[in-house]
Structure formats: C-alpha cells, structure tokens
Amino acid sequence: MQALLSGFIKLALASLLAGSLLSFFGITPRAVLDSLGVTAEELHNGIVSAFAWAVPRMVMGAVVIVPIWLTAYLLMPPRG
C-alpha cells in the first residue's frame, strides 16, 4: 500500500512540475485543443463513446476470463 501511495505522490509531483513548465511557456489546454482542431465538447463526446464501446466488451471478456483464471488458480500446486 505504501508503494502505491508513493507512486501516486510521485505522479502528482511530476504532473505539477510538467504543468508549471507548460504554463511558463504559455501552453494551455485550450491552445492544445485548438491546434488539434478539436473542441472540448468533441473530446468529451469521444471519451464517453470510447467508454460506452469498451465497457460492455470488457464485462463480456471477464465473464470468460475470470472463471478460467479461478479454475487455474485453484488447480495450481501449493507453494512452499
């Protein structure tokens, strides 16, 4: 748990540093989206569509994979 928390803190500090550096050079999220020719609404709709497409397929895959994994785990010889 400590390694996970440490990783999140490092990620947050690196993100803060990168954001500060980009801000220093005048690069804003709006400028990046404008240079890509995408609006914030289009980006949001794309992300929602991606999740709407991916989640049902992940659940269907889990219906197959989880029982196979559980069976393999239960049939493994004991360790140590």
C-alpha atoms as a PDB file:
ATOM      1  CA  MET A   1       0.000   0.000   0.000  1.00  0.00           C
ATOM      2  CA  GLN A   2       2.875   2.327   0.794  1.00  0.00           C
ATOM      3  CA  ALA A   3       4.428   1.757  -2.648  1.00  0.00           C
ATOM      4  CA  LEU A   4       1.101   2.626  -4.312  1.00  0.00           C
ATOM      5  CA  LEU A   5       0.751   5.827  -2.296  1.00  0.00           C
ATOM      6  CA  SER A   6       4.367   6.742  -3.008  1.00  0.00           C
ATOM      7  CA  GLY A   7       3.770   6.197  -6.719  1.00  0.00           C
ATOM      8  CA  PHE A   8       0.698   8.456  -6.685  1.00  0.00           C
ATOM      9  CA  ILE A   9       2.610  11.196  -4.871  1.00  0.00           C
ATOM     10  CA  LYS A  10       5.464  10.998  -7.394  1.00  0.00           C
ATOM     11  CA  LEU A  11       2.965  11.101 -10.256  1.00  0.00           C
ATOM     12  CA  ALA A  12       1.229  14.140  -8.751  1.00  0.00           C
ATOM     13  CA  LEU A  13       4.538  15.997  -8.276  1.00  0.00           C
ATOM     14  CA  ALA A  14       5.713  15.175 -11.809  1.00  0.00           C
ATOM     15  CA  SER A  15       2.363  16.365 -13.196  1.00  0.00           C
ATOM     16  CA  LEU A  16       2.594  19.585 -11.207  1.00  0.00           C
ATOM     17  CA  LEU A  17       6.114  20.195 -12.476  1.00  0.00           C
ATOM     18  CA  ALA A  18       5.150  19.482 -16.100  1.00  0.00           C
ATOM     19  CA  GLY A  19       2.049  21.687 -15.839  1.00  0.00           C
ATOM     20  CA  SER A  20       4.078  24.523 -14.372  1.00  0.00           C
ATOM     21  CA  LEU A  21       6.658  24.238 -17.122  1.00  0.00           C
ATOM     22  CA  LEU A  22       3.989  24.241 -19.844  1.00  0.00           C
ATOM     23  CA  SER A  23       2.281  27.218 -18.203  1.00  0.00           C
ATOM     24  CA  PHE A  24       5.598  29.076 -18.137  1.00  0.00           C
ATOM     25  CA  PHE A  25       5.820  28.697 -21.921  1.00  0.00           C
ATOM     26  CA  GLY A  26       2.193  29.797 -22.342  1.00  0.00           C
ATOM     27  CA  ILE A  27       0.850  26.417 -23.415  1.00  0.00           C
ATOM     28  CA  THR A  28      -2.740  25.983 -22.235  1.00  0.00           C
ATOM     29  CA  PRO A  29      -5.204  23.119 -22.673  1.00  0.00           C
ATOM     30  CA  ARG A  30      -7.329  25.369 -24.908  1.00  0.00           C
ATOM     31  CA  ALA A  31      -4.319  26.092 -27.153  1.00  0.00           C
ATOM     32  CA  VAL A  32      -3.526  22.390 -27.476  1.00  0.00           C
ATOM     33  CA  LEU A  33      -7.135  21.563 -28.392  1.00  0.00           C
ATOM     34  CA  ASP A  34      -7.246  24.438 -30.877  1.00  0.00           C
ATOM     35  CA  SER A  35      -4.037  23.251 -32.556  1.00  0.00           C
ATOM     36  CA  LEU A  36      -5.564  19.775 -32.900  1.00  0.00           C
ATOM     37  CA  GLY A  37      -8.782  21.222 -34.317  1.00  0.00           C
ATOM     38  CA  VAL A  38     -10.918  19.688 -31.569  1.00  0.00           C
ATOM     39  CA  THR A  39     -13.368  21.346 -29.202  1.00  0.00           C
ATOM     40  CA  ALA A  40     -13.718  20.367 -25.572  1.00  0.00           C
ATOM     41  CA  GLU A  41     -17.220  19.052 -26.275  1.00  0.00           C
ATOM     42  CA  GLU A  42     -15.974  16.830 -29.120  1.00  0.00           C
ATOM     43  CA  LEU A  43     -13.220  15.487 -26.884  1.00  0.00           C
ATOM     44  CA  HIS A  44     -15.717  14.746 -24.116  1.00  0.00           C
ATOM     45  CA  ASN A  45     -18.098  13.021 -26.528  1.00  0.00           C
ATOM     46  CA  GLY A  46     -15.244  10.921 -27.905  1.00  0.00           C
ATOM     47  CA  ILE A  47     -14.180   9.787 -24.442  1.00  0.00           C
ATOM     48  CA  VAL A  48     -17.765   8.912 -23.499  1.00  0.00           C
ATOM     49  CA  SER A  49     -18.193   6.984 -26.756  1.00  0.00           C
ATOM     50  CA  ALA A  50     -14.959   5.077 -26.151  1.00  0.00           C
ATOM     51  CA  PHE A  51     -16.101   4.031 -22.679  1.00  0.00           C
ATOM     52  CA  ALA A  52     -19.558   3.116 -23.982  1.00  0.00           C
ATOM     53  CA  TRP A  53     -17.890   0.885 -26.560  1.00  0.00           C
ATOM     54  CA  ALA A  54     -15.245  -0.663 -24.274  1.00  0.00           C
ATOM     55  CA  VAL A  55     -17.108  -1.398 -21.035  1.00  0.00           C
ATOM     56  CA  PRO A  56     -19.594  -3.983 -22.373  1.00  0.00           C
ATOM     57  CA  ARG A  57     -16.779  -5.800 -24.169  1.00  0.00           C
ATOM     58  CA  MET A  58     -14.652  -5.833 -21.015  1.00  0.00           C
ATOM     59  CA  VAL A  59     -17.527  -7.265 -18.992  1.00  0.00           C
ATOM     60  CA  MET A  60     -18.172  -9.953 -21.621  1.00  0.00           C
ATOM     61  CA  GLY A  61     -14.479 -10.842 -21.631  1.00  0.00           C
ATOM     62  CA  ALA A  62     -14.413 -11.012 -17.841  1.00  0.00           C
ATOM     63  CA  VAL A  63     -17.312 -13.486 -17.913  1.00  0.00           C
ATOM     64  CA  VAL A  64     -14.975 -15.850 -19.781  1.00  0.00           C
ATOM     65  CA  ILE A  65     -11.563 -14.967 -18.327  1.00  0.00           C
ATOM     66  CA  VAL A  66     -12.355 -14.815 -14.589  1.00  0.00           C
ATOM     67  CA  PRO A  67     -13.698 -18.400 -14.328  1.00  0.00           C
ATOM     68  CA  ILE A  68     -10.719 -19.711 -16.340  1.00  0.00           C
ATOM     69  CA  TRP A  69      -8.288 -17.823 -14.090  1.00  0.00           C
ATOM     70  CA  LEU A  70     -10.085 -19.001 -10.933  1.00  0.00           C
ATOM     71  CA  THR A  71     -10.003 -22.633 -12.095  1.00  0.00           C
ATOM     72  CA  ALA A  72      -6.307 -22.413 -12.953  1.00  0.00           C
ATOM     73  CA  TYR A  73      -5.570 -20.754  -9.597  1.00  0.00           C
ATOM     74  CA  LEU A  74      -7.435 -23.434  -7.651  1.00  0.00           C
ATOM     75  CA  LEU A  75      -5.703 -26.256  -9.539  1.00  0.00           C
ATOM     76  CA  MET A  76      -2.159 -24.890  -9.071  1.00  0.00           C
ATOM     77  CA  PRO A  77       0.043 -26.907  -6.737  1.00  0.00           C
ATOM     78  CA  PRO A  78       0.589 -25.298  -3.316  1.00  0.00           C
ATOM     79  CA  ARG A  79       3.617 -23.079  -2.920  1.00  0.00           C
ATOM     80  CA  GLY A  80       6.389 -23.612  -0.409  1.00  0.00           C
END
